[in-house]
């Protein structure tokens, strides 16, 4: 693992990242790699996808620049564009206004702490400036990663998306993390009734042969299966082939 105490990271930029910086550098010097990408860099996990936030550019100019860059809008209500392995977005604050994972009011922010506060866990809330390599860590993600602890960033925003409970299961399994006690109790308290079968199955499918035993143990501890049964999900035969062999080995 790289030195978690370092405030900078020596990242070799891929040609697509270099092209993005060349396109946007006349307008900003605040372009960040965010989310699980920064976590994976510290864990020496190869990056396959890049989540990027762009500051100091308004919505209209950002749209124009993304078209020039050849990125396609995949979540324009959330200011998200995609090109190749890159998801490029404006930094945002989300407020829950209705049921479901799309029921959010979204506004742009230029404050890094606010933008990173919407992340689920501290290890996913770090930011890396692609120009300078500086790492911004407002919520102690590096220390938590070093301690192998999974901790919620904000109790208020965490409860706005119940899928985060299943993400906790996957992260604990994949990276051998222990869910911090307050975060554990918060996760146990959430209903999963608003989750679709597709979203549930997609999260469990991320548990591979190296991670599923620990992940399913966490799922049982959080009461995930009881909640799914209470919801009376109609799980297809294909979905059962994913879930039942995993549960039987927990």
C-alpha atoms as a PDB file:
ATOM      1  CA  UNK A   1       0.000   0.000   0.000  1.00  0.00           C
ATOM      2  CA  UNK A   2       1.136   3.541  -0.681  1.00  0.00           C
ATOM      3  CA  UNK A   3       1.899   5.840   2.236  1.00  0.00           C
ATOM      4  CA  UNK A   4      -1.499   6.903   3.562  1.00  0.00           C
ATOM      5  CA  UNK A   5       0.072   9.863   5.372  1.00  0.00           C
ATOM      6  CA  UNK A   6       1.180  11.474   2.125  1.00  0.00           C
ATOM      7  CA  UNK A   7      -0.689  14.587   1.021  1.00  0.00           C
ATOM      8  CA  UNK A   8       0.238  14.054  -2.622  1.00  0.00           C
ATOM      9  CA  UNK A   9       0.065  11.173  -5.049  1.00  0.00           C
ATOM     10  CA  UNK A  10       2.307  10.650  -8.071  1.00  0.00           C
ATOM     11  CA  UNK A  11      -0.267   9.566 -10.652  1.00  0.00           C
ATOM     12  CA  UNK A  12       0.711   8.716 -14.201  1.00  0.00           C
ATOM     13  CA  UNK A  13      -1.960  10.242 -16.430  1.00  0.00           C
ATOM     14  CA  UNK A  14      -3.377   8.184 -19.257  1.00  0.00           C
ATOM     15  CA  UNK A  15      -3.660   9.849 -22.699  1.00  0.00           C
ATOM     16  CA  UNK A  16      -7.443  10.378 -22.276  1.00  0.00           C
ATOM     17  CA  UNK A  17      -6.851  12.108 -18.933  1.00  0.00           C
ATOM     18  CA  UNK A  18      -4.140  14.258 -20.501  1.00  0.00           C
ATOM     19  CA  UNK A  19      -6.557  15.200 -23.285  1.00  0.00           C
ATOM     20  CA  UNK A  20      -9.236  16.136 -20.744  1.00  0.00           C
ATOM     21  CA  UNK A  21      -6.857  18.366 -18.797  1.00  0.00           C
ATOM     22  CA  UNK A  22      -5.687  20.044 -22.000  1.00  0.00           C
ATOM     23  CA  UNK A  23      -9.308  20.782 -22.938  1.00  0.00           C
ATOM     24  CA  UNK A  24     -10.269  22.211 -19.550  1.00  0.00           C
ATOM     25  CA  UNK A  25      -7.039  23.800 -18.276  1.00  0.00           C
ATOM     26  CA  UNK A  26      -7.819  27.252 -19.745  1.00  0.00           C
ATOM     27  CA  UNK A  27     -10.850  27.386 -17.446  1.00  0.00           C
ATOM     28  CA  UNK A  28      -9.853  25.655 -14.214  1.00  0.00           C
ATOM     29  CA  UNK A  29      -7.044  24.123 -12.200  1.00  0.00           C
ATOM     30  CA  UNK A  30      -9.464  22.222  -9.987  1.00  0.00           C
ATOM     31  CA  UNK A  31     -10.145  18.885 -11.633  1.00  0.00           C
ATOM     32  CA  UNK A  32     -10.308  15.958  -9.240  1.00  0.00           C
ATOM     33  CA  UNK A  33     -10.305  12.196  -9.353  1.00  0.00           C
ATOM     34  CA  UNK A  34     -12.970  11.282  -6.792  1.00  0.00           C
ATOM     35  CA  UNK A  35     -14.774   8.434  -5.070  1.00  0.00           C
ATOM     36  CA  UNK A  36     -13.570   4.855  -5.174  1.00  0.00           C
ATOM     37  CA  UNK A  37     -10.835   5.748  -7.666  1.00  0.00           C
ATOM     38  CA  UNK A  38      -8.754   7.518  -5.011  1.00  0.00           C
ATOM     39  CA  UNK A  39      -9.378   4.708  -2.542  1.00  0.00           C
ATOM     40  CA  UNK A  40      -8.166   2.162  -5.085  1.00  0.00           C
ATOM     41  CA  UNK A  41      -4.997   4.157  -5.773  1.00  0.00           C
ATOM     42  CA  UNK A  42      -4.056   3.942  -2.109  1.00  0.00           C
ATOM     43  CA  UNK A  43      -4.821   0.222  -2.150  1.00  0.00           C
ATOM     44  CA  UNK A  44      -2.754  -0.341  -5.316  1.00  0.00           C
ATOM     45  CA  UNK A  45      -5.864  -1.599  -7.111  1.00  0.00           C
ATOM     46  CA  UNK A  46      -5.630  -1.004 -10.891  1.00  0.00           C
ATOM     47  CA  UNK A  47      -8.091   1.631 -12.116  1.00  0.00           C
ATOM     48  CA  UNK A  48     -10.493   0.593 -14.833  1.00  0.00           C
ATOM     49  CA  UNK A  49     -12.870   3.551 -14.526  1.00  0.00           C
ATOM     50  CA  UNK A  50     -12.280   7.181 -13.639  1.00  0.00           C
ATOM     51  CA  UNK A  51     -14.765   9.363 -11.749  1.00  0.00           C
ATOM     52  CA  UNK A  52     -13.853  13.016 -12.250  1.00  0.00           C
ATOM     53  CA  UNK A  53     -15.262  16.262 -10.860  1.00  0.00           C
ATOM     54  CA  UNK A  54     -14.664  19.612 -12.559  1.00  0.00           C
ATOM     55  CA  UNK A  55     -14.828  22.897 -10.624  1.00  0.00           C
ATOM     56  CA  UNK A  56     -15.029  26.596 -11.609  1.00  0.00           C
ATOM     57  CA  UNK A  57     -17.048  26.017 -14.806  1.00  0.00           C
ATOM     58  CA  UNK A  58     -20.754  26.838 -15.119  1.00  0.00           C
ATOM     59  CA  UNK A  59     -23.333  24.383 -16.448  1.00  0.00           C
ATOM     60  CA  UNK A  60     -23.659  25.874 -19.940  1.00  0.00           C
ATOM     61  CA  UNK A  61     -19.926  26.133 -20.603  1.00  0.00           C
ATOM     62  CA  UNK A  62     -19.377  22.646 -19.165  1.00  0.00           C
ATOM     63  CA  UNK A  63     -21.923  21.212 -21.591  1.00  0.00           C
ATOM     64  CA  UNK A  64     -20.213  22.976 -24.502  1.00  0.00           C
ATOM     65  CA  UNK A  65     -16.775  21.762 -23.444  1.00  0.00           C
ATOM     66  CA  UNK A  66     -18.000  18.201 -22.973  1.00  0.00           C
ATOM     67  CA  UNK A  67     -19.438  18.220 -26.493  1.00  0.00           C
ATOM     68  CA  UNK A  68     -16.112  19.514 -27.800  1.00  0.00           C
ATOM     69  CA  UNK A  69     -14.304  16.779 -25.857  1.00  0.00           C
ATOM     70  CA  UNK A  70     -16.625  14.129 -27.305  1.00  0.00           C
ATOM     71  CA  UNK A  71     -18.273  13.139 -24.028  1.00  0.00           C
ATOM     72  CA  UNK A  72     -21.896  11.995 -24.002  1.00  0.00           C
ATOM     73  CA  UNK A  73     -24.403  13.163 -21.399  1.00  0.00           C
ATOM     74  CA  UNK A  74     -25.501  10.113 -19.402  1.00  0.00           C
ATOM     75  CA  UNK A  75     -27.046  11.917 -16.428  1.00  0.00           C
ATOM     76  CA  UNK A  76     -27.603  15.519 -17.441  1.00  0.00           C
ATOM     77  CA  UNK A  77     -29.871  16.153 -14.463  1.00  0.00           C
ATOM     78  CA  UNK A  78     -26.818  15.245 -12.365  1.00  0.00           C
ATOM     79  CA  UNK A  79     -24.357  17.010 -14.722  1.00  0.00           C
ATOM     80  CA  UNK A  80     -22.637  13.721 -15.657  1.00  0.00           C
ATOM     81  CA  UNK A  81     -20.935  12.996 -19.007  1.00  0.00           C
ATOM     82  CA  UNK A  82     -19.052   9.926 -20.163  1.00  0.00           C
ATOM     83  CA  UNK A  83     -16.216   9.264 -22.559  1.00  0.00           C
ATOM     84  CA  UNK A  84     -14.516   5.883 -22.586  1.00  0.00           C
ATOM     85  CA  UNK A  85     -13.639   4.907 -19.026  1.00  0.00           C
ATOM     86  CA  UNK A  86     -14.241   8.428 -17.688  1.00  0.00           C
ATOM     87  CA  UNK A  87     -17.359   9.731 -15.954  1.00  0.00           C
ATOM     88  CA  UNK A  88     -16.954  13.519 -15.825  1.00  0.00           C
ATOM     89  CA  UNK A  89     -19.269  15.689 -13.759  1.00  0.00           C
ATOM     90  CA  UNK A  90     -19.735  18.998 -12.026  1.00  0.00           C
ATOM     91  CA  UNK A  91     -19.505  18.876  -8.208  1.00  0.00           C
ATOM     92  CA  UNK A  92     -22.955  18.735  -6.678  1.00  0.00           C
ATOM     93  CA  UNK A  93     -25.037  18.659  -3.549  1.00  0.00           C
ATOM     94  CA  UNK A  94     -28.050  16.332  -3.491  1.00  0.00           C
ATOM     95  CA  UNK A  95     -31.183  16.637  -1.356  1.00  0.00           C
ATOM     96  CA  UNK A  96     -33.774  13.873  -1.124  1.00  0.00           C
ATOM     97  CA  UNK A  97     -37.162  15.113  -2.330  1.00  0.00           C
ATOM     98  CA  UNK A  98     -39.050  11.933  -3.321  1.00  0.00           C
ATOM     99  CA  UNK A  99     -38.921   8.148  -3.173  1.00  0.00           C
ATOM    100  CA  UNK A 100     -36.388   6.158  -5.199  1.00  0.00           C
ATOM    101  CA  UNK A 101     -32.744   6.545  -6.159  1.00  0.00           C
ATOM    102  CA  UNK A 102     -33.583   9.298  -8.676  1.00  0.00           C
ATOM    103  CA  UNK A 103     -35.664  11.363  -6.271  1.00  0.00           C
ATOM    104  CA  UNK A 104     -33.037  14.016  -5.557  1.00  0.00           C
ATOM    105  CA  UNK A 105     -32.875  17.771  -5.992  1.00  0.00           C
ATOM    106  CA  UNK A 106     -29.405  18.553  -7.366  1.00  0.00           C
ATOM    107  CA  UNK A 107     -27.456  21.827  -7.317  1.00  0.00           C
ATOM    108  CA  UNK A 108     -23.879  22.621  -8.315  1.00  0.00           C
ATOM    109  CA  UNK A 109     -21.412  23.589  -5.583  1.00  0.00           C
ATOM    110  CA  UNK A 110     -17.873  24.959  -5.795  1.00  0.00           C
ATOM    111  CA  UNK A 111     -16.935  23.823  -2.284  1.00  0.00           C
ATOM    112  CA  UNK A 112     -14.973  20.591  -2.150  1.00  0.00           C
ATOM    113  CA  UNK A 113     -16.050  19.632   1.400  1.00  0.00           C
ATOM    114  CA  UNK A 114     -19.731  19.914   0.449  1.00  0.00           C
ATOM    115  CA  UNK A 115     -19.287  17.930  -2.754  1.00  0.00           C
ATOM    116  CA  UNK A 116     -17.433  15.120  -0.987  1.00  0.00           C
ATOM    117  CA  UNK A 117     -19.941  15.060   1.871  1.00  0.00           C
ATOM    118  CA  UNK A 118     -22.510  13.392  -0.397  1.00  0.00           C
ATOM    119  CA  UNK A 119     -20.310  10.277  -0.608  1.00  0.00           C
ATOM    120  CA  UNK A 120     -21.367   7.191   1.303  1.00  0.00           C
ATOM    121  CA  UNK A 121     -18.209   6.302   3.265  1.00  0.00           C
ATOM    122  CA  UNK A 122     -15.088   8.223   4.255  1.00  0.00           C
ATOM    123  CA  UNK A 123     -12.801   5.969   2.206  1.00  0.00           C
ATOM    124  CA  UNK A 124     -14.798   7.040  -0.873  1.00  0.00           C
ATOM    125  CA  UNK A 125     -14.773  10.756  -0.026  1.00  0.00           C
ATOM    126  CA  UNK A 126     -11.143  11.549  -0.848  1.00  0.00           C
ATOM    127  CA  UNK A 127     -10.243  13.740  -3.841  1.00  0.00           C
ATOM    128  CA  UNK A 128      -7.057  13.884  -5.928  1.00  0.00           C
ATOM    129  CA  UNK A 129      -6.203  16.985  -7.956  1.00  0.00           C
ATOM    130  CA  UNK A 130      -5.191  15.764 -11.411  1.00  0.00           C
ATOM    131  CA  UNK A 131      -2.967  18.798 -11.997  1.00  0.00           C
ATOM    132  CA  UNK A 132      -0.988  18.709  -8.746  1.00  0.00           C
ATOM    133  CA  UNK A 133      -1.486  15.239  -7.252  1.00  0.00           C
ATOM    134  CA  UNK A 134      -2.695  16.824  -3.996  1.00  0.00           C
ATOM    135  CA  UNK A 135      -5.094  14.650  -2.006  1.00  0.00           C
ATOM    136  CA  UNK A 136      -7.975  16.341  -0.191  1.00  0.00           C
ATOM    137  CA  UNK A 137      -9.370  14.288   2.680  1.00  0.00           C
ATOM    138  CA  UNK A 138     -11.947  16.191   4.721  1.00  0.00           C
ATOM    139  CA  UNK A 139     -13.470  13.232   6.574  1.00  0.00           C
ATOM    140  CA  UNK A 140     -10.541  11.034   7.589  1.00  0.00           C
ATOM    141  CA  UNK A 141     -10.741   8.502   4.784  1.00  0.00           C
ATOM    142  CA  UNK A 142      -7.017   7.784   4.708  1.00  0.00           C
ATOM    143  CA  UNK A 143      -6.886   6.984   8.403  1.00  0.00           C
ATOM    144  CA  UNK A 144      -9.974   4.780   8.113  1.00  0.00           C
ATOM    145  CA  UNK A 145      -8.439   2.949   5.166  1.00  0.00           C
ATOM    146  CA  UNK A 146      -5.254   2.384   7.130  1.00  0.00           C
ATOM    147  CA  UNK A 147      -7.293   1.026  10.049  1.00  0.00           C
ATOM    148  CA  UNK A 148      -9.444  -1.067   7.689  1.00  0.00           C
ATOM    149  CA  UNK A 149     -12.554   0.727   8.999  1.00  0.00           C
ATOM    150  CA  UNK A 150     -15.700   1.512   7.020  1.00  0.00           C
ATOM    151  CA  UNK A 151     -17.355   4.651   8.372  1.00  0.00           C
ATOM    152  CA  UNK A 152     -20.254   6.764   7.136  1.00  0.00           C
ATOM    153  CA  UNK A 153     -19.422  10.320   6.032  1.00  0.00           C
ATOM    154  CA  UNK A 154     -22.733  11.923   7.022  1.00  0.00           C
ATOM    155  CA  UNK A 155     -25.560  10.230   8.894  1.00  0.00           C
ATOM    156  CA  UNK A 156     -27.997  12.727   7.386  1.00  0.00           C
ATOM    157  CA  UNK A 157     -27.122  12.006   3.750  1.00  0.00           C
ATOM    158  CA  UNK A 158     -26.392   8.291   4.206  1.00  0.00           C
ATOM    159  CA  UNK A 159     -30.016   7.455   4.995  1.00  0.00           C
ATOM    160  CA  UNK A 160     -31.207   9.093   1.770  1.00  0.00           C
ATOM    161  CA  UNK A 161     -30.166   6.080  -0.319  1.00  0.00           C
ATOM    162  CA  UNK A 162     -30.752   2.643   1.194  1.00  0.00           C
ATOM    163  CA  UNK A 163     -28.585   0.977  -1.460  1.00  0.00           C
ATOM    164  CA  UNK A 164     -25.634   2.167   0.632  1.00  0.00           C
ATOM    165  CA  UNK A 165     -26.356  -0.659   3.068  1.00  0.00           C
ATOM    166  CA  UNK A 166     -25.609  -3.156   0.300  1.00  0.00           C
ATOM    167  CA  UNK A 167     -22.538  -1.174  -0.696  1.00  0.00           C
ATOM    168  CA  UNK A 168     -21.300  -1.590   2.882  1.00  0.00           C
ATOM    169  CA  UNK A 169     -21.687  -5.337   2.445  1.00  0.00           C
ATOM    170  CA  UNK A 170     -19.646  -5.301  -0.754  1.00  0.00           C
ATOM    171  CA  UNK A 171     -16.906  -3.008   0.540  1.00  0.00           C
ATOM    172  CA  UNK A 172     -16.444  -4.991   3.751  1.00  0.00           C
ATOM    173  CA  UNK A 173     -16.196  -8.190   1.735  1.00  0.00           C
ATOM    174  CA  UNK A 174     -13.912  -6.928  -1.031  1.00  0.00           C
ATOM    175  CA  UNK A 175     -11.456  -5.037   1.170  1.00  0.00           C
ATOM    176  CA  UNK A 176     -11.684  -6.886   4.501  1.00  0.00           C
ATOM    177  CA  UNK A 177     -13.094  -3.863   6.316  1.00  0.00           C
ATOM    178  CA  UNK A 178     -14.895  -3.656   9.632  1.00  0.00           C
ATOM    179  CA  UNK A 179     -18.017  -1.503   9.758  1.00  0.00           C
ATOM    180  CA  UNK A 180     -17.655   1.173  12.440  1.00  0.00           C
ATOM    181  CA  UNK A 181     -20.230   0.715  15.214  1.00  0.00           C
ATOM    182  CA  UNK A 182     -22.323   3.864  14.638  1.00  0.00           C
ATOM    183  CA  UNK A 183     -22.303   3.132  10.909  1.00  0.00           C
ATOM    184  CA  UNK A 184     -23.307  -0.457  11.619  1.00  0.00           C
ATOM    185  CA  UNK A 185     -26.284   0.607  13.758  1.00  0.00           C
ATOM    186  CA  UNK A 186     -27.325   3.170  11.155  1.00  0.00           C
ATOM    187  CA  UNK A 187     -27.190   0.544   8.404  1.00  0.00           C
ATOM    188  CA  UNK A 188     -29.233  -1.881  10.496  1.00  0.00           C
ATOM    189  CA  UNK A 189     -31.921   0.773  10.961  1.00  0.00           C
ATOM    190  CA  UNK A 190     -32.623   1.353   7.269  1.00  0.00           C
ATOM    191  CA  UNK A 191     -35.429  -0.258   5.332  1.00  0.00           C
ATOM    192  CA  UNK A 192     -34.590  -1.747   1.935  1.00  0.00           C
ATOM    193  CA  UNK A 193     -38.173  -1.647   0.716  1.00  0.00           C
ATOM    194  CA  UNK A 194     -37.514   0.956  -1.980  1.00  0.00           C
ATOM    195  CA  UNK A 195     -34.794  -1.052  -3.745  1.00  0.00           C
ATOM    196  CA  UNK A 196     -35.528  -2.778  -7.031  1.00  0.00           C
ATOM    197  CA  UNK A 197     -34.582  -6.391  -7.717  1.00  0.00           C
ATOM    198  CA  UNK A 198     -32.132  -5.187 -10.352  1.00  0.00           C
ATOM    199  CA  UNK A 199     -30.221  -2.926  -7.964  1.00  0.00           C
ATOM    200  CA  UNK A 200     -30.117  -5.598  -5.249  1.00  0.00           C
ATOM    201  CA  UNK A 201     -28.917  -8.326  -7.595  1.00  0.00           C
ATOM    202  CA  UNK A 202     -26.270  -6.043  -9.116  1.00  0.00           C
ATOM    203  CA  UNK A 203     -24.733  -5.344  -5.705  1.00  0.00           C
ATOM    204  CA  UNK A 204     -24.615  -8.997  -4.646  1.00  0.00           C
ATOM    205  CA  UNK A 205     -23.126  -9.965  -8.021  1.00  0.00           C
ATOM    206  CA  UNK A 206     -20.046  -7.859  -7.144  1.00  0.00           C
ATOM    207  CA  UNK A 207     -19.085 -10.371  -4.448  1.00  0.00           C
ATOM    208  CA  UNK A 208     -16.548 -12.712  -6.009  1.00  0.00           C
ATOM    209  CA  UNK A 209     -14.990 -15.925  -4.679  1.00  0.00           C
ATOM    210  CA  UNK A 210     -12.525 -13.943  -2.552  1.00  0.00           C
ATOM    211  CA  UNK A 211     -15.061 -11.653  -0.920  1.00  0.00           C
ATOM    212  CA  UNK A 212     -18.451 -13.315  -0.694  1.00  0.00           C
ATOM    213  CA  UNK A 213     -18.024 -15.144   2.633  1.00  0.00           C
ATOM    214  CA  UNK A 214     -17.145 -12.004   4.604  1.00  0.00           C
ATOM    215  CA  UNK A 215     -19.621  -9.919   2.636  1.00  0.00           C
ATOM    216  CA  UNK A 216     -22.511 -12.267   3.357  1.00  0.00           C
ATOM    217  CA  UNK A 217     -21.589 -12.387   7.030  1.00  0.00           C
ATOM    218  CA  UNK A 218     -21.931  -8.618   7.097  1.00  0.00           C
ATOM    219  CA  UNK A 219     -25.241  -8.887   5.228  1.00  0.00           C
ATOM    220  CA  UNK A 220     -26.610 -11.250   7.880  1.00  0.00           C
ATOM    221  CA  UNK A 221     -25.348  -8.971  10.658  1.00  0.00           C
ATOM    222  CA  UNK A 222     -27.162  -5.998   9.102  1.00  0.00           C
ATOM    223  CA  UNK A 223     -30.385  -7.970   8.681  1.00  0.00           C
ATOM    224  CA  UNK A 224     -30.285  -7.636   4.912  1.00  0.00           C
ATOM    225  CA  UNK A 225     -31.808 -11.025   4.075  1.00  0.00           C
ATOM    226  CA  UNK A 226     -34.614 -10.681   6.612  1.00  0.00           C
ATOM    227  CA  UNK A 227     -35.507  -7.322   5.064  1.00  0.00           C
ATOM    228  CA  UNK A 228     -35.444  -8.709   1.555  1.00  0.00           C
ATOM    229  CA  UNK A 229     -37.669 -11.621   2.563  1.00  0.00           C
ATOM    230  CA  UNK A 230     -40.030  -9.253   4.336  1.00  0.00           C
ATOM    231  CA  UNK A 231     -40.294  -7.316   1.107  1.00  0.00           C
ATOM    232  CA  UNK A 232     -41.403 -10.576  -0.583  1.00  0.00           C
ATOM    233  CA  UNK A 233     -39.098 -10.204  -3.552  1.00  0.00           C
ATOM    234  CA  UNK A 234     -39.861 -12.511  -6.471  1.00  0.00           C
ATOM    235  CA  UNK A 235     -36.321 -13.710  -7.170  1.00  0.00           C
ATOM    236  CA  UNK A 236     -35.883 -15.457 -10.521  1.00  0.00           C
ATOM    237  CA  UNK A 237     -34.050 -18.745 -10.887  1.00  0.00           C
ATOM    238  CA  UNK A 238     -31.037 -16.930 -12.340  1.00  0.00           C
ATOM    239  CA  UNK A 239     -30.946 -14.546  -9.375  1.00  0.00           C
ATOM    240  CA  UNK A 240     -31.257 -17.434  -6.920  1.00  0.00           C
ATOM    241  CA  UNK A 241     -28.152 -18.985  -8.493  1.00  0.00           C
ATOM    242  CA  UNK A 242     -26.292 -15.823  -7.496  1.00  0.00           C
ATOM    243  CA  UNK A 243     -27.660 -15.429  -3.970  1.00  0.00           C
ATOM    244  CA  UNK A 244     -28.320 -18.875  -2.529  1.00  0.00           C
ATOM    245  CA  UNK A 245     -24.876 -20.494  -3.004  1.00  0.00           C
ATOM    246  CA  UNK A 246     -23.358 -17.400  -1.434  1.00  0.00           C
ATOM    247  CA  UNK A 247     -25.696 -17.469   1.557  1.00  0.00           C
ATOM    248  CA  UNK A 248     -25.165 -21.209   2.135  1.00  0.00           C
ATOM    249  CA  UNK A 249     -21.429 -20.666   2.696  1.00  0.00           C
ATOM    250  CA  UNK A 250     -21.765 -17.751   5.094  1.00  0.00           C
END
